[in-house]
Amino acid sequence: MPSGGNPSPARRDARRNRERLLECARRAFADQGAEAALDGIARDADLVVGTLYRHFPTRLDLLCAVLEPKLRGVIDEVEAALGLEDPWEAFRGLLEVLCAAQAGDRAFGDFLARRFPGDDRTETAHREICALAQGVLERAQAAGVVRPDVTGADLLLLLWASSRVAEATREVAPSLWRRHVHLALDGFRPTNRLDLREPAWDADRLCRAMAESAKRVGRAHAGAGGD
């Protein structure tokens, strides 16, 4: 049995296949979202779908492998925003980082907008991002630069809205979403504000909405004969 040295040809082939699958999945998920067809990803990589499943037994395994590097980069950027001296600039930086990350990447938008119960990888990343965002928000509110009735759920709902603007306009105006995020930012300022007649959502209600969104997508995908 060989020990050390160069990997065997079979191992090199397996590594190349995995890299090709990840490259094709990255493009497909960014363009089509988290429900991109897995058999299409395998075809684009010039492989059979069985090879895909040997490397990534579930759709979520593949999605996590694709998103993990970007998630780490986004978390690093949010942490950098948290460290800015000016609380308003930190708050603005937070929203711009998250909105920019999902613009042009439908799968990342799906990740922010949905929950995948029972999966520790996605739940841990969600909790980390939400905790960092909450820290930025609370610091801005304590400094009096963000209205006190804004909640973490309000920020996530803004991300949902921004993702739809980015998706609808990406072919003709791929940066238009920035204008609407900046308009929304003015609504978070504490001066000359309107009374909010609709109550804010708490974390439980937001989680239920995200989970229900994932269920609707899953039912639609199953009804369309997806994998």
C-alpha atoms as a PDB file:
ATOM      1  CA  MET A   1       0.000   0.000   0.000  1.00  0.00           C
ATOM      2  CA  PRO A   2       1.573   3.322  -1.019  1.00  0.00           C
ATOM      3  CA  SER A   3       2.223   5.785   1.751  1.00  0.00           C
ATOM      4  CA  GLY A   4       2.956   9.475   1.209  1.00  0.00           C
ATOM      5  CA  GLY A   5       4.037  10.844  -2.152  1.00  0.00           C
ATOM      6  CA  ASN A   6       1.657  11.896  -4.890  1.00  0.00           C
ATOM      7  CA  PRO A   7      -2.027  10.936  -4.656  1.00  0.00           C
ATOM      8  CA  SER A   8      -3.225   8.079  -6.837  1.00  0.00           C
ATOM      9  CA  PRO A   9      -4.795   8.829 -10.261  1.00  0.00           C
ATOM     10  CA  ALA A  10      -8.218   7.862  -8.893  1.00  0.00           C
ATOM     11  CA  ARG A  11      -7.836  10.310  -6.034  1.00  0.00           C
ATOM     12  CA  ARG A  12      -6.696  13.064  -8.394  1.00  0.00           C
ATOM     13  CA  ASP A  13      -9.707  12.392 -10.622  1.00  0.00           C
ATOM     14  CA  ALA A  14     -12.034  12.538  -7.633  1.00  0.00           C
ATOM     15  CA  ARG A  15     -10.539  15.875  -6.564  1.00  0.00           C
ATOM     16  CA  ARG A  16     -10.892  17.313 -10.077  1.00  0.00           C
ATOM     17  CA  ASN A  17     -14.490  16.107 -10.274  1.00  0.00           C
ATOM     18  CA  ARG A  18     -15.318  17.754  -6.949  1.00  0.00           C
ATOM     19  CA  GLU A  19     -13.753  21.033  -8.033  1.00  0.00           C
ATOM     20  CA  ARG A  20     -15.656  20.973 -11.340  1.00  0.00           C
ATOM     21  CA  LEU A  21     -18.917  20.266  -9.551  1.00  0.00           C
ATOM     22  CA  LEU A  22     -18.331  23.147  -7.138  1.00  0.00           C
ATOM     23  CA  GLU A  23     -17.497  25.538  -9.965  1.00  0.00           C
ATOM     24  CA  CYS A  24     -20.626  24.607 -11.931  1.00  0.00           C
ATOM     25  CA  ALA A  25     -22.790  24.616  -8.796  1.00  0.00           C
ATOM     26  CA  ARG A  26     -21.522  28.076  -7.851  1.00  0.00           C
ATOM     27  CA  ARG A  27     -22.674  29.451 -11.205  1.00  0.00           C
ATOM     28  CA  ALA A  28     -25.985  27.590 -11.188  1.00  0.00           C
ATOM     29  CA  PHE A  29     -26.918  28.503  -7.615  1.00  0.00           C
ATOM     30  CA  ALA A  30     -25.972  32.155  -8.126  1.00  0.00           C
ATOM     31  CA  ASP A  31     -28.108  32.362 -11.261  1.00  0.00           C
ATOM     32  CA  GLN A  32     -31.049  30.105 -10.347  1.00  0.00           C
ATOM     33  CA  GLY A  33     -31.077  30.034  -6.549  1.00  0.00           C
ATOM     34  CA  ALA A  34     -30.822  27.232  -4.012  1.00  0.00           C
ATOM     35  CA  GLU A  35     -33.227  25.018  -5.998  1.00  0.00           C
ATOM     36  CA  ALA A  36     -31.061  24.861  -9.147  1.00  0.00           C
ATOM     37  CA  ALA A  37     -31.358  21.446 -10.806  1.00  0.00           C
ATOM     38  CA  LEU A  38     -28.645  19.089  -9.596  1.00  0.00           C
ATOM     39  CA  ASP A  39     -28.704  17.002 -12.759  1.00  0.00           C
ATOM     40  CA  GLY A  40     -28.069  20.190 -14.735  1.00  0.00           C
ATOM     41  CA  ILE A  41     -25.077  20.977 -12.529  1.00  0.00           C
ATOM     42  CA  ALA A  42     -23.697  17.481 -13.153  1.00  0.00           C
ATOM     43  CA  ARG A  43     -24.199  17.861 -16.931  1.00  0.00           C
ATOM     44  CA  ASP A  44     -22.417  21.209 -16.944  1.00  0.00           C
ATOM     45  CA  ALA A  45     -19.486  19.494 -15.212  1.00  0.00           C
ATOM     46  CA  ASP A  46     -19.557  16.694 -17.841  1.00  0.00           C
ATOM     47  CA  LEU A  47     -20.345  14.187 -15.113  1.00  0.00           C
ATOM     48  CA  VAL A  48     -23.251  11.921 -14.261  1.00  0.00           C
ATOM     49  CA  VAL A  49     -25.485  12.927 -11.377  1.00  0.00           C
ATOM     50  CA  GLY A  50     -24.383   9.839  -9.434  1.00  0.00           C
ATOM     51  CA  THR A  51     -20.882  11.325  -9.235  1.00  0.00           C
ATOM     52  CA  LEU A  52     -22.375  14.488  -7.788  1.00  0.00           C
ATOM     53  CA  TYR A  53     -24.179  12.496  -5.084  1.00  0.00           C
ATOM     54  CA  ARG A  54     -21.010  10.591  -4.198  1.00  0.00           C
ATOM     55  CA  HIS A  55     -19.324  13.887  -3.385  1.00  0.00           C
ATOM     56  CA  PHE A  56     -22.396  15.692  -2.014  1.00  0.00           C
ATOM     57  CA  PRO A  57     -25.064  13.277  -0.718  1.00  0.00           C
ATOM     58  CA  THR A  58     -27.708  16.014  -0.355  1.00  0.00           C
ATOM     59  CA  ARG A  59     -28.549  19.314  -2.006  1.00  0.00           C
ATOM     60  CA  LEU A  60     -27.750  21.070   1.264  1.00  0.00           C
ATOM     61  CA  ASP A  61     -24.276  19.492   1.351  1.00  0.00           C
ATOM     62  CA  LEU A  62     -23.544  21.001  -2.062  1.00  0.00           C
ATOM     63  CA  LEU A  63     -25.120  24.349  -1.216  1.00  0.00           C
ATOM     64  CA  CYS A  64     -23.118  24.636   2.016  1.00  0.00           C
ATOM     65  CA  ALA A  65     -19.889  23.759   0.231  1.00  0.00           C
ATOM     66  CA  VAL A  66     -20.571  26.486  -2.335  1.00  0.00           C
ATOM     67  CA  LEU A  67     -21.643  29.163   0.155  1.00  0.00           C
ATOM     68  CA  GLU A  68     -19.176  28.509   2.977  1.00  0.00           C
ATOM     69  CA  PRO A  69     -16.266  30.603   1.582  1.00  0.00           C
ATOM     70  CA  LYS A  70     -18.582  33.520   0.835  1.00  0.00           C
ATOM     71  CA  LEU A  71     -20.223  33.261   4.243  1.00  0.00           C
ATOM     72  CA  ARG A  72     -16.850  33.489   5.973  1.00  0.00           C
ATOM     73  CA  GLY A  73     -15.972  36.537   3.870  1.00  0.00           C
ATOM     74  CA  VAL A  74     -19.289  38.231   4.668  1.00  0.00           C
ATOM     75  CA  ILE A  75     -18.910  37.532   8.393  1.00  0.00           C
ATOM     76  CA  ASP A  76     -15.414  39.038   8.288  1.00  0.00           C
ATOM     77  CA  GLU A  77     -16.808  42.172   6.585  1.00  0.00           C
ATOM     78  CA  VAL A  78     -19.624  42.496   9.111  1.00  0.00           C
ATOM     79  CA  GLU A  79     -17.114  42.165  11.945  1.00  0.00           C
ATOM     80  CA  ALA A  80     -15.070  44.926  10.302  1.00  0.00           C
ATOM     81  CA  ALA A  81     -18.179  47.130  10.148  1.00  0.00           C
ATOM     82  CA  LEU A  82     -18.812  46.454  13.832  1.00  0.00           C
ATOM     83  CA  GLY A  83     -15.335  47.796  14.546  1.00  0.00           C
ATOM     84  CA  LEU A  84     -15.887  51.150  12.811  1.00  0.00           C
ATOM     85  CA  GLU A  85     -15.669  54.084  15.204  1.00  0.00           C
ATOM     86  CA  ASP A  86     -18.753  55.866  13.850  1.00  0.00           C
ATOM     87  CA  PRO A  87     -21.913  53.897  14.857  1.00  0.00           C
ATOM     88  CA  TRP A  88     -23.898  55.199  11.858  1.00  0.00           C
ATOM     89  CA  GLU A  89     -21.156  54.221   9.411  1.00  0.00           C
ATOM     90  CA  ALA A  90     -21.039  50.788  11.047  1.00  0.00           C
ATOM     91  CA  PHE A  91     -24.817  50.420  10.627  1.00  0.00           C
ATOM     92  CA  ARG A  92     -24.726  51.552   7.010  1.00  0.00           C
ATOM     93  CA  GLY A  93     -21.749  49.298   6.325  1.00  0.00           C
ATOM     94  CA  LEU A  94     -23.605  46.313   7.763  1.00  0.00           C
ATOM     95  CA  LEU A  95     -26.570  46.718   5.430  1.00  0.00           C
ATOM     96  CA  GLU A  96     -24.424  47.456   2.395  1.00  0.00           C
ATOM     97  CA  VAL A  97     -22.264  44.368   3.008  1.00  0.00           C
ATOM     98  CA  LEU A  98     -25.263  42.040   3.333  1.00  0.00           C
ATOM     99  CA  CYS A  99     -27.192  43.535   0.424  1.00  0.00           C
ATOM    100  CA  ALA A 100     -24.122  43.476  -1.817  1.00  0.00           C
ATOM    101  CA  ALA A 101     -23.474  39.822  -0.942  1.00  0.00           C
ATOM    102  CA  GLN A 102     -26.899  38.744  -2.171  1.00  0.00           C
ATOM    103  CA  ALA A 103     -27.022  41.001  -5.255  1.00  0.00           C
ATOM    104  CA  GLY A 104     -26.298  38.761  -8.217  1.00  0.00           C
ATOM    105  CA  ASP A 105     -26.239  35.646  -6.050  1.00  0.00           C
ATOM    106  CA  ARG A 106     -29.710  34.209  -5.671  1.00  0.00           C
ATOM    107  CA  ALA A 107     -28.510  31.311  -3.517  1.00  0.00           C
ATOM    108  CA  PHE A 108     -27.029  33.664  -0.947  1.00  0.00           C
ATOM    109  CA  GLY A 109     -30.307  35.582  -0.922  1.00  0.00           C
ATOM    110  CA  ASP A 110     -32.130  32.286  -0.388  1.00  0.00           C
ATOM    111  CA  PHE A 111     -29.809  31.493   2.502  1.00  0.00           C
ATOM    112  CA  LEU A 112     -30.582  34.815   4.201  1.00  0.00           C
ATOM    113  CA  ALA A 113     -34.331  34.531   3.594  1.00  0.00           C
ATOM    114  CA  ARG A 114     -34.899  30.897   4.552  1.00  0.00           C
ATOM    115  CA  ARG A 115     -34.135  28.529   7.392  1.00  0.00           C
ATOM    116  CA  PHE A 116     -33.013  24.924   7.055  1.00  0.00           C
ATOM    117  CA  PRO A 117     -34.132  23.351  10.350  1.00  0.00           C
ATOM    118  CA  GLY A 118     -32.044  20.525  11.664  1.00  0.00           C
ATOM    119  CA  ASP A 119     -28.870  21.534   9.847  1.00  0.00           C
ATOM    120  CA  ASP A 120     -26.208  22.775  12.260  1.00  0.00           C
ATOM    121  CA  ARG A 121     -24.088  24.331   9.511  1.00  0.00           C
ATOM    122  CA  THR A 122     -26.713  26.765   8.290  1.00  0.00           C
ATOM    123  CA  GLU A 123     -28.151  27.439  11.742  1.00  0.00           C
ATOM    124  CA  THR A 124     -24.715  28.291  13.138  1.00  0.00           C
ATOM    125  CA  ALA A 125     -24.003  30.702  10.266  1.00  0.00           C
ATOM    126  CA  HIS A 126     -27.438  32.320  10.666  1.00  0.00           C
ATOM    127  CA  ARG A 127     -26.923  32.796  14.387  1.00  0.00           C
ATOM    128  CA  GLU A 128     -23.463  34.288  13.893  1.00  0.00           C
ATOM    129  CA  ILE A 129     -24.620  36.793  11.274  1.00  0.00           C
ATOM    130  CA  CYS A 130     -27.716  37.735  13.284  1.00  0.00           C
ATOM    131  CA  ALA A 131     -25.715  38.215  16.483  1.00  0.00           C
ATOM    132  CA  LEU A 132     -23.224  40.485  14.722  1.00  0.00           C
ATOM    133  CA  ALA A 133     -26.013  42.473  13.058  1.00  0.00           C
ATOM    134  CA  GLN A 134     -27.810  42.851  16.386  1.00  0.00           C
ATOM    135  CA  GLY A 135     -24.627  44.197  17.926  1.00  0.00           C
ATOM    136  CA  VAL A 136     -24.259  46.809  15.181  1.00  0.00           C
ATOM    137  CA  LEU A 137     -27.933  47.789  15.522  1.00  0.00           C
ATOM    138  CA  GLU A 138     -27.872  48.117  19.314  1.00  0.00           C
ATOM    139  CA  ARG A 139     -24.709  50.198  19.219  1.00  0.00           C
ATOM    140  CA  ALA A 140     -26.253  52.565  16.668  1.00  0.00           C
ATOM    141  CA  GLN A 141     -29.438  52.856  18.742  1.00  0.00           C
ATOM    142  CA  ALA A 142     -27.454  53.518  21.925  1.00  0.00           C
ATOM    143  CA  ALA A 143     -25.655  56.337  20.096  1.00  0.00           C
ATOM    144  CA  GLY A 144     -29.003  57.811  19.034  1.00  0.00           C
ATOM    145  CA  VAL A 145     -28.337  57.517  15.287  1.00  0.00           C
ATOM    146  CA  VAL A 146     -30.921  54.802  14.554  1.00  0.00           C
ATOM    147  CA  ARG A 147     -34.529  55.011  15.695  1.00  0.00           C
ATOM    148  CA  PRO A 148     -35.159  52.939  18.826  1.00  0.00           C
ATOM    149  CA  ASP A 149     -38.098  50.947  17.449  1.00  0.00           C
ATOM    150  CA  VAL A 150     -36.059  49.226  14.714  1.00  0.00           C
ATOM    151  CA  THR A 151     -35.560  45.492  15.295  1.00  0.00           C
ATOM    152  CA  GLY A 152     -33.330  42.817  13.865  1.00  0.00           C
ATOM    153  CA  ALA A 153     -36.358  41.472  11.990  1.00  0.00           C
ATOM    154  CA  ASP A 154     -36.725  44.853  10.263  1.00  0.00           C
ATOM    155  CA  LEU A 155     -33.187  44.540   8.946  1.00  0.00           C
ATOM    156  CA  LEU A 156     -33.798  41.059   7.566  1.00  0.00           C
ATOM    157  CA  LEU A 157     -37.023  42.167   5.909  1.00  0.00           C
ATOM    158  CA  LEU A 158     -35.072  44.950   4.215  1.00  0.00           C
ATOM    159  CA  LEU A 159     -32.668  42.303   2.897  1.00  0.00           C
ATOM    160  CA  TRP A 160     -35.607  40.356   1.471  1.00  0.00           C
ATOM    161  CA  ALA A 161     -36.905  43.457  -0.305  1.00  0.00           C
ATOM    162  CA  SER A 162     -33.462  44.386  -1.608  1.00  0.00           C
ATOM    163  CA  SER A 163     -32.922  40.880  -2.999  1.00  0.00           C
ATOM    164  CA  ARG A 164     -36.115  41.159  -5.063  1.00  0.00           C
ATOM    165  CA  VAL A 165     -35.071  44.560  -6.447  1.00  0.00           C
ATOM    166  CA  ALA A 166     -31.617  43.194  -7.312  1.00  0.00           C
ATOM    167  CA  GLU A 167     -33.092  40.123  -8.993  1.00  0.00           C
ATOM    168  CA  ALA A 168     -35.629  42.091 -11.032  1.00  0.00           C
ATOM    169  CA  THR A 169     -33.129  44.687 -12.291  1.00  0.00           C
ATOM    170  CA  ARG A 170     -29.849  42.784 -12.506  1.00  0.00           C
ATOM    171  CA  GLU A 171     -29.840  42.529 -16.309  1.00  0.00           C
ATOM    172  CA  VAL A 172     -30.479  46.223 -16.962  1.00  0.00           C
ATOM    173  CA  ALA A 173     -29.279  48.015 -13.807  1.00  0.00           C
ATOM    174  CA  PRO A 174     -27.248  45.656 -11.596  1.00  0.00           C
ATOM    175  CA  SER A 175     -26.461  48.318  -8.988  1.00  0.00           C
ATOM    176  CA  LEU A 176     -29.921  49.895  -8.701  1.00  0.00           C
ATOM    177  CA  TRP A 177     -30.510  48.073  -5.424  1.00  0.00           C
ATOM    178  CA  ARG A 178     -28.025  50.477  -3.782  1.00  0.00           C
ATOM    179  CA  ARG A 179     -30.342  53.429  -4.394  1.00  0.00           C
ATOM    180  CA  HIS A 180     -33.228  51.704  -2.605  1.00  0.00           C
ATOM    181  CA  VAL A 181     -31.054  50.574   0.286  1.00  0.00           C
ATOM    182  CA  HIS A 182     -29.901  54.170   0.767  1.00  0.00           C
ATOM    183  CA  LEU A 183     -33.500  55.403   0.659  1.00  0.00           C
ATOM    184  CA  ALA A 184     -34.386  52.806   3.290  1.00  0.00           C
ATOM    185  CA  LEU A 185     -31.431  53.869   5.429  1.00  0.00           C
ATOM    186  CA  ASP A 186     -32.959  57.326   5.742  1.00  0.00           C
ATOM    187  CA  GLY A 187     -36.045  55.660   7.185  1.00  0.00           C
ATOM    188  CA  PHE A 188     -33.944  54.236  10.013  1.00  0.00           C
ATOM    189  CA  ARG A 189     -32.784  57.676  11.183  1.00  0.00           C
ATOM    190  CA  PRO A 190     -34.319  58.869  14.463  1.00  0.00           C
ATOM    191  CA  THR A 191     -35.382  62.380  13.381  1.00  0.00           C
ATOM    192  CA  ASN A 192     -38.623  63.379  11.619  1.00  0.00           C
ATOM    193  CA  ARG A 193     -39.795  59.798  11.694  1.00  0.00           C
ATOM    194  CA  LEU A 194     -43.273  58.483  10.987  1.00  0.00           C
ATOM    195  CA  ASP A 195     -45.105  56.424  13.578  1.00  0.00           C
ATOM    196  CA  LEU A 196     -44.988  52.745  12.691  1.00  0.00           C
ATOM    197  CA  ARG A 197     -48.562  51.490  12.898  1.00  0.00           C
ATOM    198  CA  GLU A 198     -47.631  47.910  12.027  1.00  0.00           C
ATOM    199  CA  PRO A 199     -45.930  46.220  14.999  1.00  0.00           C
ATOM    200  CA  ALA A 200     -42.464  44.763  14.633  1.00  0.00           C
ATOM    201  CA  TRP A 201     -42.008  41.012  14.350  1.00  0.00           C
ATOM    202  CA  ASP A 202     -40.263  39.128  17.091  1.00  0.00           C
ATOM    203  CA  ALA A 203     -37.606  36.496  16.383  1.00  0.00           C
ATOM    204  CA  ASP A 204     -40.047  33.560  16.631  1.00  0.00           C
ATOM    205  CA  ARG A 205     -42.441  35.013  14.088  1.00  0.00           C
ATOM    206  CA  LEU A 206     -39.588  35.805  11.733  1.00  0.00           C
ATOM    207  CA  CYS A 207     -38.209  32.264  12.021  1.00  0.00           C
ATOM    208  CA  ARG A 208     -41.657  30.816  11.292  1.00  0.00           C
ATOM    209  CA  ALA A 209     -41.940  32.974   8.171  1.00  0.00           C
ATOM    210  CA  MET A 210     -38.508  31.883   6.988  1.00  0.00           C
ATOM    211  CA  ALA A 211     -39.286  28.223   7.617  1.00  0.00           C
ATOM    212  CA  GLU A 212     -42.607  28.524   5.805  1.00  0.00           C
ATOM    213  CA  SER A 213     -40.842  30.146   2.858  1.00  0.00           C
ATOM    214  CA  ALA A 214     -38.502  27.164   2.663  1.00  0.00           C
ATOM    215  CA  LYS A 215     -41.472  24.762   2.791  1.00  0.00           C
ATOM    216  CA  ARG A 216     -43.271  26.572  -0.038  1.00  0.00           C
ATOM    217  CA  VAL A 217     -40.182  26.417  -2.209  1.00  0.00           C
ATOM    218  CA  GLY A 218     -39.751  22.741  -1.415  1.00  0.00           C
ATOM    219  CA  ARG A 219     -43.378  21.947  -2.296  1.00  0.00           C
ATOM    220  CA  ALA A 220     -43.123  23.889  -5.550  1.00  0.00           C
ATOM    221  CA  HIS A 221     -39.887  22.156  -6.425  1.00  0.00           C
ATOM    222  CA  ALA A 222     -41.360  18.710  -5.699  1.00  0.00           C
ATOM    223  CA  GLY A 223     -44.450  19.530  -7.741  1.00  0.00           C
ATOM    224  CA  ALA A 224     -42.276  20.501 -10.698  1.00  0.00           C
ATOM    225  CA  GLY A 225     -40.507  17.139 -10.552  1.00  0.00           C
ATOM    226  CA  GLY A 226     -37.248  18.517  -9.185  1.00  0.00           C
ATOM    227  CA  ASP A 227     -34.495  16.426  -7.596  1.00  0.00           C
END
